[in-house]
Amino acid sequence: MISASESLLNGHKDKSALMTSIKGLQLCHKTVARQVEQISDNLESQIHQDLQSCEYFSLQLDESTDISDVAQLCVVVRIVFGDFTVREEFVKLPPLHERARGEDIMNVFLKFVKECNLLLSKLVAITTDGAPSITGRNNGFLALCAKDESFPSVLSYHCIKYQFYLTDSHLDDALRAACSSYTPDFRQLAANMQCQISH
């Protein structure tokens, strides 16, 4: 750390004072772990405050399975404030302890809503990766939300970059060659769009 700081601060006018401060840092693993937890708690608190004070928010949900075969629900929020500023933040990655069915996702989501004290009346849209457990017509998460009278009517979207990825990865060589003149324009359009969940 000290040698890296030496090189990073090379030529800085306050290098000696900064180096003294860096040398005085306590960097044992317990101290660092505690500081990371404090930073995490602070960031989580800020996001919860922003969700309370915002005008509207939308969610991006992605159900996936990690390397240890545990299903998880990635929750990203896009917050719109009264002055029309927008903030997008990763919020949570809760595990889906049972199975990754719409009902399980709904239960984990409602627990998340309760923990964050979210006002669902401010929710305007949900973007997903198109997984059947989320978008299923009868028992998917979005269908269960629509059936729940306490849940607001929201717009739902399937991430366009993810759709393009699926389409592009399944094209055979002949079709890819035939569409090649259109693909660069679409790739540029997709790259310029702000998609909520990238794959």
N, C-alpha and C. Protein backbone atom coordinates (compact mmCIF):
# COMPACT_ATOMS: atom_id res chain seq x y z
N MET A 1 0.83 -1.18 0.00
CA MET A 1 0.00 0.00 0.00
C MET A 1 0.87 1.25 0.00
N ILE A 2 1.91 1.23 0.78
CA ILE A 2 2.77 2.40 0.87
C ILE A 2 3.51 2.64 -0.43
N SER A 3 4.02 1.57 -1.06
CA SER A 3 4.73 1.75 -2.33
C SER A 3 3.78 2.21 -3.43
N ALA A 4 2.54 1.73 -3.41
CA ALA A 4 1.55 2.19 -4.39
C ALA A 4 1.24 3.66 -4.16
N SER A 5 1.11 4.05 -2.91
CA SER A 5 0.83 5.46 -2.59
C SER A 5 1.98 6.34 -3.02
N GLU A 6 3.20 5.89 -2.81
CA GLU A 6 4.39 6.64 -3.24
C GLU A 6 4.29 6.97 -4.72
N SER A 7 3.95 5.97 -5.50
CA SER A 7 3.89 6.17 -6.94
C SER A 7 2.69 7.01 -7.35
N LEU A 8 1.52 6.80 -6.71
CA LEU A 8 0.33 7.57 -7.04
C LEU A 8 0.45 9.04 -6.67
N LEU A 9 1.12 9.32 -5.58
CA LEU A 9 1.22 10.70 -5.10
C LEU A 9 2.47 11.41 -5.60
N ASN A 10 3.20 10.77 -6.48
CA ASN A 10 4.42 11.37 -6.99
C ASN A 10 4.09 12.72 -7.66
N GLY A 11 4.72 13.78 -7.18
CA GLY A 11 4.50 15.11 -7.73
C GLY A 11 3.38 15.88 -7.05
N HIS A 12 2.65 15.25 -6.13
CA HIS A 12 1.56 15.94 -5.43
C HIS A 12 2.15 16.90 -4.41
N LYS A 13 1.58 18.09 -4.29
CA LYS A 13 2.16 19.10 -3.40
C LYS A 13 2.09 18.72 -1.92
N ASP A 14 1.12 17.92 -1.53
CA ASP A 14 0.99 17.51 -0.12
C ASP A 14 1.39 16.05 0.08
N LYS A 15 2.32 15.57 -0.70
CA LYS A 15 2.69 14.16 -0.67
C LYS A 15 3.17 13.73 0.71
N SER A 16 4.00 14.51 1.36
CA SER A 16 4.54 14.08 2.66
C SER A 16 3.45 13.99 3.72
N ALA A 17 2.53 14.94 3.72
CA ALA A 17 1.43 14.90 4.71
C ALA A 17 0.51 13.71 4.43
N LEU A 18 0.22 13.47 3.15
CA LEU A 18 -0.64 12.35 2.80
C LEU A 18 0.03 11.01 3.13
N MET A 19 1.33 10.91 2.86
CA MET A 19 2.05 9.68 3.17
C MET A 19 2.07 9.41 4.67
N THR A 20 2.19 10.44 5.46
CA THR A 20 2.15 10.30 6.93
C THR A 20 0.79 9.76 7.35
N SER A 21 -0.28 10.29 6.75
CA SER A 21 -1.64 9.81 7.08
C SER A 21 -1.82 8.36 6.66
N ILE A 22 -1.32 8.01 5.48
CA ILE A 22 -1.46 6.65 5.00
C ILE A 22 -0.69 5.67 5.88
N LYS A 23 0.51 6.06 6.31
CA LYS A 23 1.30 5.18 7.17
C LYS A 23 0.63 4.98 8.53
N GLY A 24 -0.21 5.95 8.94
CA GLY A 24 -0.90 5.85 10.22
C GLY A 24 -2.20 5.05 10.16
N LEU A 25 -2.60 4.64 8.96
CA LEU A 25 -3.83 3.85 8.83
C LEU A 25 -3.67 2.48 9.45
N GLN A 26 -4.75 2.05 10.10
CA GLN A 26 -4.75 0.70 10.64
C GLN A 26 -5.37 -0.21 9.58
N LEU A 27 -4.61 -1.18 9.12
CA LEU A 27 -5.07 -2.01 8.03
C LEU A 27 -5.17 -3.49 8.36
N CYS A 28 -5.37 -3.83 9.63
CA CYS A 28 -5.56 -5.24 9.94
C CYS A 28 -6.90 -5.68 9.35
N HIS A 29 -7.05 -6.96 9.09
CA HIS A 29 -8.24 -7.44 8.38
C HIS A 29 -9.54 -7.15 9.12
N LYS A 30 -9.52 -7.16 10.44
CA LYS A 30 -10.74 -6.87 11.20
C LYS A 30 -11.14 -5.41 11.05
N THR A 31 -10.15 -4.52 11.06
CA THR A 31 -10.43 -3.10 10.90
C THR A 31 -10.99 -2.81 9.52
N VAL A 32 -10.36 -3.39 8.51
CA VAL A 32 -10.82 -3.18 7.14
C VAL A 32 -12.23 -3.75 6.97
N ALA A 33 -12.50 -4.93 7.49
CA ALA A 33 -13.82 -5.55 7.40
C ALA A 33 -14.87 -4.67 8.06
N ARG A 34 -14.54 -4.13 9.24
CA ARG A 34 -15.47 -3.26 9.95
C ARG A 34 -15.74 -1.98 9.14
N GLN A 35 -14.70 -1.40 8.54
CA GLN A 35 -14.87 -0.20 7.74
C GLN A 35 -15.71 -0.47 6.50
N VAL A 36 -15.50 -1.60 5.86
CA VAL A 36 -16.30 -1.97 4.69
C VAL A 36 -17.77 -2.13 5.10
N GLU A 37 -18.03 -2.75 6.23
CA GLU A 37 -19.40 -2.90 6.72
C GLU A 37 -20.04 -1.55 7.01
N GLN A 38 -19.27 -0.63 7.60
CA GLN A 38 -19.80 0.70 7.89
C GLN A 38 -20.12 1.46 6.60
N ILE A 39 -19.24 1.36 5.62
CA ILE A 39 -19.49 2.01 4.34
C ILE A 39 -20.73 1.41 3.68
N SER A 40 -20.84 0.09 3.72
CA SER A 40 -22.00 -0.60 3.14
C SER A 40 -23.29 -0.16 3.82
N ASP A 41 -23.29 -0.10 5.15
CA ASP A 41 -24.48 0.33 5.90
C ASP A 41 -24.84 1.76 5.54
N ASN A 42 -23.82 2.62 5.41
CA ASN A 42 -24.07 4.02 5.06
C ASN A 42 -24.68 4.15 3.67
N LEU A 43 -24.13 3.41 2.71
CA LEU A 43 -24.67 3.47 1.34
C LEU A 43 -26.11 2.95 1.30
N GLU A 44 -26.36 1.86 2.02
CA GLU A 44 -27.71 1.31 2.06
C GLU A 44 -28.69 2.30 2.69
N SER A 45 -28.25 2.97 3.73
CA SER A 45 -29.08 3.99 4.39
C SER A 45 -29.38 5.15 3.43
N GLN A 46 -28.38 5.58 2.67
CA GLN A 46 -28.58 6.66 1.70
C GLN A 46 -29.60 6.26 0.63
N ILE A 47 -29.49 5.03 0.14
CA ILE A 47 -30.44 4.56 -0.88
C ILE A 47 -31.85 4.51 -0.31
N HIS A 48 -32.00 4.04 0.91
CA HIS A 48 -33.32 3.98 1.54
C HIS A 48 -33.89 5.38 1.72
N GLN A 49 -33.05 6.34 2.11
CA GLN A 49 -33.52 7.73 2.24
C GLN A 49 -33.94 8.29 0.89
N ASP A 50 -33.15 7.99 -0.15
CA ASP A 50 -33.50 8.46 -1.50
C ASP A 50 -34.81 7.85 -1.97
N LEU A 51 -35.04 6.59 -1.66
CA LEU A 51 -36.28 5.94 -2.05
C LEU A 51 -37.48 6.55 -1.33
N GLN A 52 -37.27 7.05 -0.12
CA GLN A 52 -38.35 7.70 0.61
C GLN A 52 -38.65 9.10 0.06
N SER A 53 -37.59 9.80 -0.35
CA SER A 53 -37.76 11.20 -0.77
C SER A 53 -37.99 11.37 -2.28
N CYS A 54 -37.89 10.31 -3.05
CA CYS A 54 -38.03 10.43 -4.51
C CYS A 54 -39.48 10.64 -4.91
N GLU A 55 -39.65 11.06 -6.16
CA GLU A 55 -41.00 11.20 -6.72
C GLU A 55 -41.47 9.85 -7.25
N TYR A 56 -40.58 9.19 -8.00
CA TYR A 56 -40.90 7.89 -8.60
C TYR A 56 -39.65 7.03 -8.64
N PHE A 57 -39.86 5.73 -8.80
CA PHE A 57 -38.72 4.85 -9.02
C PHE A 57 -39.16 3.67 -9.89
N SER A 58 -38.18 3.07 -10.55
CA SER A 58 -38.43 1.85 -11.30
C SER A 58 -37.42 0.81 -10.85
N LEU A 59 -37.75 -0.43 -11.07
CA LEU A 59 -36.89 -1.53 -10.64
C LEU A 59 -36.44 -2.35 -11.84
N GLN A 60 -35.25 -2.87 -11.74
CA GLN A 60 -34.74 -3.82 -12.70
C GLN A 60 -34.46 -5.11 -11.93
N LEU A 61 -35.06 -6.19 -12.36
CA LEU A 61 -34.93 -7.47 -11.67
C LEU A 61 -34.31 -8.50 -12.60
N ASP A 62 -33.38 -9.25 -12.06
CA ASP A 62 -32.73 -10.30 -12.84
C ASP A 62 -32.55 -11.50 -11.94
N GLU A 63 -33.25 -12.58 -12.26
CA GLU A 63 -33.12 -13.81 -11.50
C GLU A 63 -32.04 -14.64 -12.16
N SER A 64 -31.06 -15.05 -11.36
CA SER A 64 -29.97 -15.85 -11.91
C SER A 64 -29.47 -16.82 -10.84
N THR A 65 -28.56 -17.68 -11.25
CA THR A 65 -27.97 -18.66 -10.34
C THR A 65 -26.47 -18.44 -10.29
N ASP A 66 -25.92 -18.40 -9.08
CA ASP A 66 -24.48 -18.17 -8.95
C ASP A 66 -23.70 -19.47 -9.13
N ILE A 67 -22.40 -19.38 -9.00
CA ILE A 67 -21.52 -20.52 -9.25
C ILE A 67 -21.75 -21.67 -8.26
N SER A 68 -22.29 -21.36 -7.08
CA SER A 68 -22.55 -22.42 -6.10
C SER A 68 -23.99 -22.93 -6.20
N ASP A 69 -24.68 -22.62 -7.33
CA ASP A 69 -26.01 -23.11 -7.63
C ASP A 69 -27.09 -22.54 -6.71
N VAL A 70 -26.88 -21.32 -6.22
CA VAL A 70 -27.88 -20.63 -5.41
C VAL A 70 -28.57 -19.60 -6.29
N ALA A 71 -29.90 -19.71 -6.38
CA ALA A 71 -30.67 -18.73 -7.14
C ALA A 71 -30.70 -17.41 -6.38
N GLN A 72 -30.57 -16.32 -7.12
CA GLN A 72 -30.56 -14.98 -6.52
C GLN A 72 -31.40 -14.04 -7.34
N LEU A 73 -31.86 -12.98 -6.72
CA LEU A 73 -32.63 -11.94 -7.39
C LEU A 73 -31.86 -10.63 -7.30
N CYS A 74 -31.32 -10.20 -8.42
CA CYS A 74 -30.58 -8.94 -8.46
C CYS A 74 -31.60 -7.80 -8.56
N VAL A 75 -31.51 -6.84 -7.65
CA VAL A 75 -32.44 -5.70 -7.64
C VAL A 75 -31.65 -4.42 -7.86
N VAL A 76 -31.99 -3.73 -8.94
CA VAL A 76 -31.39 -2.43 -9.25
C VAL A 76 -32.53 -1.43 -9.31
N VAL A 77 -32.30 -0.23 -8.79
CA VAL A 77 -33.35 0.77 -8.76
C VAL A 77 -32.91 2.02 -9.53
N ARG A 78 -33.84 2.60 -10.24
CA ARG A 78 -33.63 3.89 -10.90
C ARG A 78 -34.60 4.86 -10.22
N ILE A 79 -34.04 5.89 -9.61
CA ILE A 79 -34.81 6.82 -8.79
C ILE A 79 -34.91 8.17 -9.52
N VAL A 80 -36.11 8.74 -9.56
CA VAL A 80 -36.33 10.06 -10.15
C VAL A 80 -36.76 11.00 -9.03
N PHE A 81 -36.02 12.09 -8.88
CA PHE A 81 -36.30 13.07 -7.83
C PHE A 81 -37.16 14.21 -8.37
N GLY A 82 -37.61 15.06 -7.48
CA GLY A 82 -38.47 16.19 -7.83
C GLY A 82 -37.83 17.16 -8.81
N ASP A 83 -36.52 17.30 -8.79
CA ASP A 83 -35.83 18.21 -9.71
C ASP A 83 -35.45 17.50 -11.01
N PHE A 84 -36.00 16.31 -11.24
CA PHE A 84 -35.79 15.49 -12.44
C PHE A 84 -34.39 14.90 -12.55
N THR A 85 -33.63 14.93 -11.49
CA THR A 85 -32.37 14.20 -11.51
C THR A 85 -32.67 12.72 -11.35
N VAL A 86 -31.82 11.89 -11.93
CA VAL A 86 -32.03 10.45 -11.92
C VAL A 86 -30.79 9.79 -11.33
N ARG A 87 -31.03 8.82 -10.49
CA ARG A 87 -29.93 8.06 -9.89
C ARG A 87 -30.24 6.58 -10.05
N GLU A 88 -29.25 5.81 -10.45
CA GLU A 88 -29.43 4.37 -10.62
C GLU A 88 -28.44 3.66 -9.71
N GLU A 89 -28.94 2.73 -8.91
CA GLU A 89 -28.11 2.05 -7.92
C GLU A 89 -28.45 0.57 -7.83
N PHE A 90 -27.42 -0.23 -7.65
CA PHE A 90 -27.61 -1.63 -7.27
C PHE A 90 -28.08 -1.60 -5.82
N VAL A 91 -29.14 -2.34 -5.52
CA VAL A 91 -29.71 -2.28 -4.17
C VAL A 91 -29.46 -3.54 -3.36
N LYS A 92 -29.72 -4.68 -3.96
CA LYS A 92 -29.67 -5.89 -3.16
C LYS A 92 -29.53 -7.11 -4.07
N LEU A 93 -29.01 -8.19 -3.49
CA LEU A 93 -28.89 -9.47 -4.17
C LEU A 93 -29.36 -10.56 -3.21
N PRO A 94 -30.68 -10.57 -2.93
CA PRO A 94 -31.17 -11.57 -1.97
C PRO A 94 -31.22 -12.96 -2.59
N PRO A 95 -30.87 -13.98 -1.79
CA PRO A 95 -30.96 -15.35 -2.30
C PRO A 95 -32.41 -15.81 -2.35
N LEU A 96 -32.70 -16.67 -3.30
CA LEU A 96 -34.01 -17.32 -3.39
C LEU A 96 -33.82 -18.71 -2.79
N HIS A 97 -34.07 -18.84 -1.50
CA HIS A 97 -33.72 -20.05 -0.76
C HIS A 97 -34.43 -21.30 -1.26
N GLU A 98 -35.65 -21.14 -1.70
CA GLU A 98 -36.39 -22.32 -2.15
C GLU A 98 -36.09 -22.53 -3.63
N ARG A 99 -37.08 -22.33 -4.46
CA ARG A 99 -36.88 -22.44 -5.90
C ARG A 99 -37.05 -21.06 -6.51
N ALA A 100 -36.76 -20.93 -7.77
CA ALA A 100 -36.87 -19.63 -8.44
C ALA A 100 -38.19 -19.56 -9.21
N ARG A 101 -39.28 -19.77 -8.50
CA ARG A 101 -40.62 -19.65 -9.10
C ARG A 101 -41.11 -18.23 -8.88
N GLY A 102 -42.15 -17.85 -9.60
CA GLY A 102 -42.73 -16.52 -9.44
C GLY A 102 -43.14 -16.25 -8.00
N GLU A 103 -43.71 -17.25 -7.36
CA GLU A 103 -44.15 -17.14 -5.97
C GLU A 103 -42.96 -16.87 -5.04
N ASP A 104 -41.85 -17.56 -5.27
CA ASP A 104 -40.66 -17.37 -4.44
C ASP A 104 -40.08 -15.97 -4.65
N ILE A 105 -40.04 -15.53 -5.90
CA ILE A 105 -39.54 -14.18 -6.20
C ILE A 105 -40.44 -13.14 -5.55
N MET A 106 -41.76 -13.36 -5.62
CA MET A 106 -42.71 -12.43 -5.00
C MET A 106 -42.47 -12.35 -3.50
N ASN A 107 -42.26 -13.47 -2.83
CA ASN A 107 -42.03 -13.47 -1.38
C ASN A 107 -40.75 -12.73 -1.02
N VAL A 108 -39.68 -12.98 -1.77
CA VAL A 108 -38.41 -12.29 -1.51
C VAL A 108 -38.57 -10.80 -1.78
N PHE A 109 -39.29 -10.46 -2.85
CA PHE A 109 -39.51 -9.05 -3.18
C PHE A 109 -40.31 -8.34 -2.09
N LEU A 110 -41.38 -8.96 -1.61
CA LEU A 110 -42.19 -8.33 -0.56
C LEU A 110 -41.41 -8.17 0.74
N LYS A 111 -40.53 -9.12 1.04
CA LYS A 111 -39.65 -8.99 2.20
C LYS A 111 -38.72 -7.79 2.02
N PHE A 112 -38.17 -7.64 0.81
CA PHE A 112 -37.30 -6.50 0.48
C PHE A 112 -38.07 -5.19 0.63
N VAL A 113 -39.31 -5.14 0.14
CA VAL A 113 -40.15 -3.94 0.23
C VAL A 113 -40.37 -3.56 1.70
N LYS A 114 -40.63 -4.57 2.52
CA LYS A 114 -40.86 -4.32 3.95
C LYS A 114 -39.60 -3.83 4.64
N GLU A 115 -38.45 -4.46 4.35
CA GLU A 115 -37.18 -4.05 4.96
C GLU A 115 -36.82 -2.61 4.61
N CYS A 116 -37.07 -2.23 3.36
CA CYS A 116 -36.71 -0.89 2.89
C CYS A 116 -37.81 0.13 3.14
N ASN A 117 -38.97 -0.35 3.62
CA ASN A 117 -40.12 0.51 3.83
C ASN A 117 -40.46 1.27 2.54
N LEU A 118 -40.46 0.55 1.43
CA LEU A 118 -40.74 1.14 0.12
C LEU A 118 -42.20 1.52 -0.02
N LEU A 119 -42.44 2.66 -0.61
CA LEU A 119 -43.80 3.06 -0.95
C LEU A 119 -44.06 2.58 -2.37
N LEU A 120 -44.78 1.48 -2.50
CA LEU A 120 -45.02 0.92 -3.83
C LEU A 120 -45.83 1.85 -4.71
N SER A 121 -46.51 2.83 -4.12
CA SER A 121 -47.26 3.78 -4.94
C SER A 121 -46.34 4.61 -5.82
N LYS A 122 -45.04 4.68 -5.51
CA LYS A 122 -44.07 5.43 -6.32
C LYS A 122 -43.45 4.57 -7.42
N LEU A 123 -43.73 3.27 -7.40
CA LEU A 123 -43.17 2.36 -8.41
C LEU A 123 -43.93 2.53 -9.72
N VAL A 124 -43.18 2.79 -10.82
CA VAL A 124 -43.84 3.01 -12.11
C VAL A 124 -43.50 1.94 -13.14
N ALA A 125 -42.36 1.25 -13.01
CA ALA A 125 -41.98 0.28 -14.03
C ALA A 125 -41.06 -0.79 -13.46
N ILE A 126 -41.11 -1.95 -14.09
CA ILE A 126 -40.21 -3.05 -13.75
C ILE A 126 -39.62 -3.58 -15.06
N THR A 127 -38.30 -3.64 -15.12
CA THR A 127 -37.60 -4.20 -16.28
C THR A 127 -37.00 -5.54 -15.86
N THR A 128 -37.11 -6.53 -16.75
CA THR A 128 -36.63 -7.87 -16.41
C THR A 128 -35.78 -8.44 -17.53
N ASP A 129 -35.20 -9.59 -17.26
CA ASP A 129 -34.43 -10.30 -18.28
C ASP A 129 -35.31 -11.25 -19.07
N GLY A 130 -36.59 -11.31 -18.76
CA GLY A 130 -37.51 -12.15 -19.50
C GLY A 130 -37.62 -13.58 -19.02
N ALA A 131 -37.04 -13.88 -17.87
CA ALA A 131 -37.10 -15.25 -17.34
C ALA A 131 -38.57 -15.62 -17.08
N PRO A 132 -38.96 -16.87 -17.39
CA PRO A 132 -40.35 -17.29 -17.18
C PRO A 132 -40.83 -17.13 -15.74
N SER A 133 -39.93 -17.29 -14.78
CA SER A 133 -40.33 -17.15 -13.38
C SER A 133 -40.73 -15.71 -13.06
N ILE A 134 -40.30 -14.77 -13.87
CA ILE A 134 -40.67 -13.37 -13.66
C ILE A 134 -41.80 -12.96 -14.59
N THR A 135 -41.74 -13.38 -15.85
CA THR A 135 -42.70 -12.91 -16.84
C THR A 135 -43.81 -13.91 -17.17
N GLY A 136 -43.82 -15.05 -16.51
CA GLY A 136 -44.84 -16.06 -16.80
C GLY A 136 -46.25 -15.50 -16.72
N ARG A 137 -47.10 -15.92 -17.66
CA ARG A 137 -48.44 -15.34 -17.82
C ARG A 137 -49.34 -15.58 -16.61
N ASN A 138 -49.24 -16.74 -15.98
CA ASN A 138 -50.15 -17.07 -14.87
C ASN A 138 -49.48 -17.00 -13.50
N ASN A 139 -48.26 -17.55 -13.39
CA ASN A 139 -47.61 -17.65 -12.09
C ASN A 139 -46.29 -16.92 -12.01
N GLY A 140 -45.97 -16.12 -13.01
CA GLY A 140 -44.74 -15.34 -12.96
C GLY A 140 -44.87 -14.18 -11.98
N PHE A 141 -43.75 -13.65 -11.59
CA PHE A 141 -43.73 -12.53 -10.63
C PHE A 141 -44.63 -11.38 -11.09
N LEU A 142 -44.52 -10.97 -12.36
CA LEU A 142 -45.33 -9.85 -12.85
C LEU A 142 -46.82 -10.17 -12.82
N ALA A 143 -47.19 -11.41 -13.14
CA ALA A 143 -48.59 -11.82 -13.09
C ALA A 143 -49.11 -11.79 -11.66
N LEU A 144 -48.29 -12.23 -10.73
CA LEU A 144 -48.69 -12.20 -9.31
C LEU A 144 -48.83 -10.76 -8.82
N CYS A 145 -47.96 -9.87 -9.30
CA CYS A 145 -48.08 -8.45 -8.93
C CYS A 145 -49.40 -7.88 -9.45
N ALA A 146 -49.75 -8.23 -10.69
CA ALA A 146 -51.00 -7.74 -11.29
C ALA A 146 -52.23 -8.25 -10.55
N LYS A 147 -52.14 -9.47 -10.00
CA LYS A 147 -53.26 -10.04 -9.25
C LYS A 147 -53.40 -9.44 -7.86
N ASP A 148 -52.31 -8.91 -7.31
CA ASP A 148 -52.30 -8.36 -5.96
C ASP A 148 -52.91 -6.95 -5.97
N GLU A 149 -54.02 -6.79 -5.28
CA GLU A 149 -54.73 -5.50 -5.27
C GLU A 149 -53.92 -4.37 -4.63
N SER A 150 -53.01 -4.72 -3.74
CA SER A 150 -52.21 -3.68 -3.07
C SER A 150 -51.02 -3.23 -3.92
N PHE A 151 -50.78 -3.94 -5.03
CA PHE A 151 -49.64 -3.61 -5.89
C PHE A 151 -50.10 -2.63 -6.96
N PRO A 152 -49.32 -1.56 -7.22
CA PRO A 152 -49.75 -0.58 -8.23
C PRO A 152 -49.66 -1.16 -9.64
N SER A 153 -50.39 -0.53 -10.54
CA SER A 153 -50.29 -0.91 -11.95
C SER A 153 -48.98 -0.33 -12.48
N VAL A 154 -48.09 -1.20 -12.96
CA VAL A 154 -46.77 -0.75 -13.42
C VAL A 154 -46.54 -1.18 -14.87
N LEU A 155 -45.66 -0.46 -15.53
CA LEU A 155 -45.21 -0.85 -16.86
C LEU A 155 -44.16 -1.93 -16.68
N SER A 156 -44.12 -2.88 -17.59
CA SER A 156 -43.06 -3.90 -17.52
C SER A 156 -42.35 -3.96 -18.86
N TYR A 157 -41.04 -4.13 -18.80
CA TYR A 157 -40.20 -4.14 -19.98
C TYR A 157 -39.26 -5.33 -19.95
N HIS A 158 -38.88 -5.77 -21.13
CA HIS A 158 -37.84 -6.79 -21.29
C HIS A 158 -36.62 -6.06 -21.82
N CYS A 159 -35.51 -6.17 -21.16
CA CYS A 159 -34.29 -5.44 -21.51
C CYS A 159 -33.93 -5.64 -22.98
N ILE A 160 -33.80 -4.55 -23.74
CA ILE A 160 -33.53 -4.64 -25.17
C ILE A 160 -32.14 -5.20 -25.46
N LYS A 161 -31.16 -4.88 -24.64
CA LYS A 161 -29.82 -5.44 -24.86
C LYS A 161 -29.85 -6.95 -24.67
N TYR A 162 -30.60 -7.41 -23.70
CA TYR A 162 -30.68 -8.85 -23.46
C TYR A 162 -31.40 -9.53 -24.63
N GLN A 163 -32.47 -8.90 -25.14
CA GLN A 163 -33.17 -9.46 -26.29
C GLN A 163 -32.22 -9.56 -27.49
N PHE A 164 -31.44 -8.52 -27.71
CA PHE A 164 -30.50 -8.52 -28.83
C PHE A 164 -29.45 -9.60 -28.65
N TYR A 165 -28.96 -9.75 -27.43
CA TYR A 165 -27.98 -10.79 -27.14
C TYR A 165 -28.54 -12.17 -27.48
N LEU A 166 -29.78 -12.42 -27.04
CA LEU A 166 -30.40 -13.70 -27.33
C LEU A 166 -30.58 -13.91 -28.83
N THR A 167 -31.05 -12.89 -29.51
CA THR A 167 -31.26 -12.98 -30.96
C THR A 167 -29.94 -13.21 -31.68
N ASP A 168 -28.94 -12.40 -31.35
CA ASP A 168 -27.65 -12.47 -32.03
C ASP A 168 -26.95 -13.81 -31.78
N SER A 169 -27.07 -14.34 -30.56
CA SER A 169 -26.37 -15.58 -30.24
C SER A 169 -27.03 -16.79 -30.88
N HIS A 170 -28.28 -16.67 -31.35
CA HIS A 170 -28.97 -17.81 -31.94
C HIS A 170 -29.10 -17.72 -33.46
N LEU A 171 -28.57 -16.67 -34.04
CA LEU A 171 -28.61 -16.57 -35.49
C LEU A 171 -27.63 -17.55 -36.11
N ASP A 172 -28.05 -18.22 -37.16
CA ASP A 172 -27.08 -19.07 -37.84
C ASP A 172 -26.24 -18.21 -38.77
N ASP A 173 -25.17 -18.73 -39.28
CA ASP A 173 -24.22 -17.97 -40.08
C ASP A 173 -24.86 -17.36 -41.33
N ALA A 174 -25.75 -18.09 -41.99
CA ALA A 174 -26.37 -17.57 -43.22
C ALA A 174 -27.24 -16.36 -42.91
N LEU A 175 -28.06 -16.46 -41.87
CA LEU A 175 -28.91 -15.34 -41.51
C LEU A 175 -28.08 -14.16 -41.02
N ARG A 176 -27.02 -14.44 -40.28
CA ARG A 176 -26.14 -13.38 -39.79
C ARG A 176 -25.51 -12.63 -40.97
N ALA A 177 -25.09 -13.37 -41.99
CA ALA A 177 -24.49 -12.74 -43.17
C ALA A 177 -25.53 -11.90 -43.91
N ALA A 178 -26.76 -12.40 -44.01
CA ALA A 178 -27.81 -11.67 -44.71
C ALA A 178 -28.20 -10.39 -43.98
N CYS A 179 -28.13 -10.40 -42.66
CA CYS A 179 -28.52 -9.23 -41.85
C CYS A 179 -27.35 -8.33 -41.50
N SER A 180 -26.17 -8.64 -41.99
CA SER A 180 -24.98 -7.91 -41.54
C SER A 180 -25.05 -6.42 -41.82
N SER A 181 -25.74 -6.01 -42.88
CA SER A 181 -25.80 -4.58 -43.17
C SER A 181 -26.65 -3.83 -42.15
N TYR A 182 -27.57 -4.51 -41.49
CA TYR A 182 -28.42 -3.85 -40.51
C TYR A 182 -27.86 -3.95 -39.10
N THR A 183 -27.08 -4.97 -38.83
CA THR A 183 -26.61 -5.23 -37.47
C THR A 183 -25.80 -4.09 -36.87
N PRO A 184 -24.83 -3.47 -37.60
CA PRO A 184 -24.05 -2.41 -36.97
C PRO A 184 -24.92 -1.26 -36.47
N ASP A 185 -25.97 -0.90 -37.25
CA ASP A 185 -26.84 0.18 -36.81
C ASP A 185 -27.58 -0.21 -35.53
N PHE A 186 -28.07 -1.46 -35.50
CA PHE A 186 -28.78 -1.90 -34.31
C PHE A 186 -27.84 -2.01 -33.11
N ARG A 187 -26.61 -2.50 -33.36
CA ARG A 187 -25.63 -2.58 -32.27
C ARG A 187 -25.37 -1.20 -31.70
N GLN A 188 -25.25 -0.17 -32.58
CA GLN A 188 -25.00 1.19 -32.12
C GLN A 188 -26.19 1.71 -31.33
N LEU A 189 -27.40 1.43 -31.82
CA LEU A 189 -28.60 1.85 -31.11
C LEU A 189 -28.65 1.20 -29.73
N ALA A 190 -28.41 -0.10 -29.67
CA ALA A 190 -28.44 -0.81 -28.39
C ALA A 190 -27.35 -0.30 -27.45
N ALA A 191 -26.17 0.01 -28.01
CA ALA A 191 -25.08 0.52 -27.18
C ALA A 191 -25.40 1.89 -26.63
N ASN A 192 -26.12 2.70 -27.40
CA ASN A 192 -26.45 4.06 -26.96
C ASN A 192 -27.60 4.10 -25.96
N MET A 193 -28.41 3.06 -25.98
CA MET A 193 -29.56 3.04 -25.05
C MET A 193 -29.06 2.67 -23.66
N GLN A 194 -29.70 3.20 -22.67
CA GLN A 194 -29.34 2.85 -21.30
C GLN A 194 -30.23 1.72 -20.84
N CYS A 195 -29.70 0.53 -20.91
CA CYS A 195 -30.44 -0.65 -20.48
C CYS A 195 -30.21 -0.85 -19.00
N GLN A 196 -31.25 -1.30 -18.30
CA GLN A 196 -31.15 -1.42 -16.85
C GLN A 196 -30.28 -2.59 -16.42
N ILE A 197 -30.28 -3.71 -17.17
CA ILE A 197 -29.52 -4.87 -16.76
C ILE A 197 -28.71 -5.34 -17.95
N SER A 198 -27.38 -5.39 -17.82
CA SER A 198 -26.53 -5.84 -18.91
C SER A 198 -26.14 -7.28 -18.70
N HIS A 199 -25.93 -7.99 -19.78
CA HIS A 199 -25.49 -9.39 -19.71
C HIS A 199 -24.30 -9.57 -20.56
